[in-house]
N, C-alpha and C. Protein backbone atom coordinates (compact mmCIF):
# COMPACT_ATOMS: atom_id res chain seq x y z
N MET A 1 82.45 52.57 86.99
CA MET A 1 81.05 52.86 87.32
C MET A 1 80.44 53.64 86.15
N THR A 2 79.31 53.17 85.67
CA THR A 2 78.66 53.84 84.54
C THR A 2 77.90 55.07 85.03
N THR A 3 77.47 55.86 84.07
CA THR A 3 76.69 57.06 84.41
C THR A 3 75.39 56.69 85.09
N ALA A 4 74.75 55.65 84.64
CA ALA A 4 73.49 55.22 85.25
C ALA A 4 73.70 54.81 86.70
N GLU A 5 74.77 54.10 86.97
CA GLU A 5 75.06 53.70 88.34
C GLU A 5 75.31 54.90 89.23
N LYS A 6 75.96 55.92 88.68
CA LYS A 6 76.20 57.15 89.46
C LYS A 6 74.88 57.84 89.80
N TYR A 7 73.95 57.88 88.84
CA TYR A 7 72.65 58.50 89.10
C TYR A 7 71.86 57.72 90.15
N VAL A 8 71.91 56.39 90.07
CA VAL A 8 71.20 55.57 91.05
C VAL A 8 71.80 55.78 92.44
N THR A 9 73.12 55.81 92.51
CA THR A 9 73.79 56.04 93.79
C THR A 9 73.42 57.41 94.35
N ALA A 10 73.41 58.41 93.51
CA ALA A 10 73.04 59.76 93.94
C ALA A 10 71.60 59.80 94.43
N ALA A 11 70.70 59.11 93.72
CA ALA A 11 69.29 59.09 94.13
C ALA A 11 69.14 58.42 95.49
N TYR A 12 69.83 57.29 95.69
CA TYR A 12 69.77 56.63 96.99
C TYR A 12 70.32 57.53 98.09
N CYS A 13 71.38 58.24 97.82
CA CYS A 13 71.95 59.14 98.82
C CYS A 13 70.98 60.26 99.18
N VAL A 14 70.31 60.81 98.18
CA VAL A 14 69.34 61.87 98.43
C VAL A 14 68.19 61.35 99.27
N VAL A 15 67.66 60.18 98.91
CA VAL A 15 66.56 59.60 99.68
C VAL A 15 66.99 59.30 101.11
N PHE A 16 68.18 58.74 101.27
CA PHE A 16 68.69 58.45 102.61
C PHE A 16 68.82 59.73 103.42
N GLY A 17 69.33 60.79 102.80
CA GLY A 17 69.47 62.07 103.49
C GLY A 17 68.13 62.64 103.91
N LEU A 18 67.13 62.52 103.05
CA LEU A 18 65.80 63.03 103.39
C LEU A 18 65.18 62.23 104.53
N VAL A 19 65.33 60.92 104.51
CA VAL A 19 64.80 60.10 105.59
C VAL A 19 65.51 60.43 106.90
N LEU A 20 66.81 60.60 106.85
CA LEU A 20 67.56 60.95 108.05
C LEU A 20 67.10 62.31 108.60
N LEU A 21 66.91 63.27 107.73
CA LEU A 21 66.43 64.59 108.14
C LEU A 21 65.04 64.48 108.78
N TYR A 22 64.17 63.67 108.19
CA TYR A 22 62.83 63.47 108.73
C TYR A 22 62.90 62.88 110.14
N VAL A 23 63.75 61.88 110.32
CA VAL A 23 63.88 61.24 111.64
C VAL A 23 64.39 62.24 112.67
N VAL A 24 65.35 63.09 112.29
CA VAL A 24 65.88 64.09 113.22
C VAL A 24 64.79 65.09 113.60
N ILE A 25 64.01 65.54 112.63
CA ILE A 25 62.94 66.50 112.91
C ILE A 25 61.90 65.89 113.84
N ILE A 26 61.51 64.65 113.58
CA ILE A 26 60.52 63.98 114.44
C ILE A 26 61.08 63.80 115.85
N ALA A 27 62.36 63.43 115.96
CA ALA A 27 62.97 63.26 117.28
C ALA A 27 62.95 64.57 118.06
N LEU A 28 63.24 65.67 117.39
CA LEU A 28 63.21 66.97 118.07
C LEU A 28 61.80 67.33 118.53
N LYS A 29 60.80 67.01 117.70
CA LYS A 29 59.41 67.30 118.08
C LYS A 29 58.99 66.45 119.28
N VAL A 30 59.38 65.18 119.28
CA VAL A 30 59.04 64.31 120.41
C VAL A 30 59.70 64.81 121.68
N GLN A 31 60.95 65.25 121.57
CA GLN A 31 61.65 65.80 122.73
C GLN A 31 60.92 67.02 123.29
N ARG A 32 60.48 67.91 122.40
CA ARG A 32 59.75 69.10 122.84
C ARG A 32 58.42 68.73 123.49
N LEU A 33 57.73 67.75 122.90
CA LEU A 33 56.45 67.33 123.48
C LEU A 33 56.64 66.71 124.86
N GLU A 34 57.72 65.94 125.04
CA GLU A 34 57.99 65.37 126.36
C GLU A 34 58.23 66.46 127.39
N ARG A 35 58.95 67.51 127.00
CA ARG A 35 59.17 68.64 127.93
C ARG A 35 57.85 69.30 128.28
N ASP A 36 56.99 69.49 127.27
CA ASP A 36 55.70 70.12 127.52
C ASP A 36 54.84 69.27 128.45
N VAL A 37 54.84 67.96 128.23
CA VAL A 37 54.05 67.07 129.09
C VAL A 37 54.59 67.12 130.52
N ASP A 38 55.90 67.10 130.69
CA ASP A 38 56.49 67.19 132.03
C ASP A 38 56.09 68.50 132.71
N ALA A 39 56.11 69.59 131.96
CA ALA A 39 55.74 70.88 132.53
C ALA A 39 54.27 70.88 132.93
N LEU A 40 53.41 70.28 132.12
CA LEU A 40 52.00 70.23 132.46
C LEU A 40 51.75 69.35 133.69
N GLU A 41 52.48 68.25 133.78
CA GLU A 41 52.32 67.39 134.95
C GLU A 41 52.79 68.10 136.21
N LYS A 42 53.86 68.85 136.11
CA LYS A 42 54.38 69.58 137.27
C LYS A 42 53.38 70.66 137.69
N ASP A 43 52.78 71.36 136.72
CA ASP A 43 51.79 72.40 137.04
C ASP A 43 50.54 71.78 137.68
N GLY A 44 50.17 70.59 137.28
CA GLY A 44 49.00 69.93 137.82
C GLY A 44 49.17 69.50 139.26
N ASP A 45 50.41 69.25 139.68
CA ASP A 45 50.65 68.80 141.05
C ASP A 45 50.46 69.93 142.06
N GLY A 46 50.72 71.16 141.63
CA GLY A 46 50.68 72.28 142.57
C GLY A 46 49.31 72.74 142.84
């Protein structure tokens, strides 16, 4: 494997890691929003 190939592989790994981190953060935010919506719906029923 040449040096250039190592840099390209490293760049792809970094980008993949950042995308994965972004997806995890968005999933956590969606989960929190769903809890908030459920709490608001429950408060509205009473």
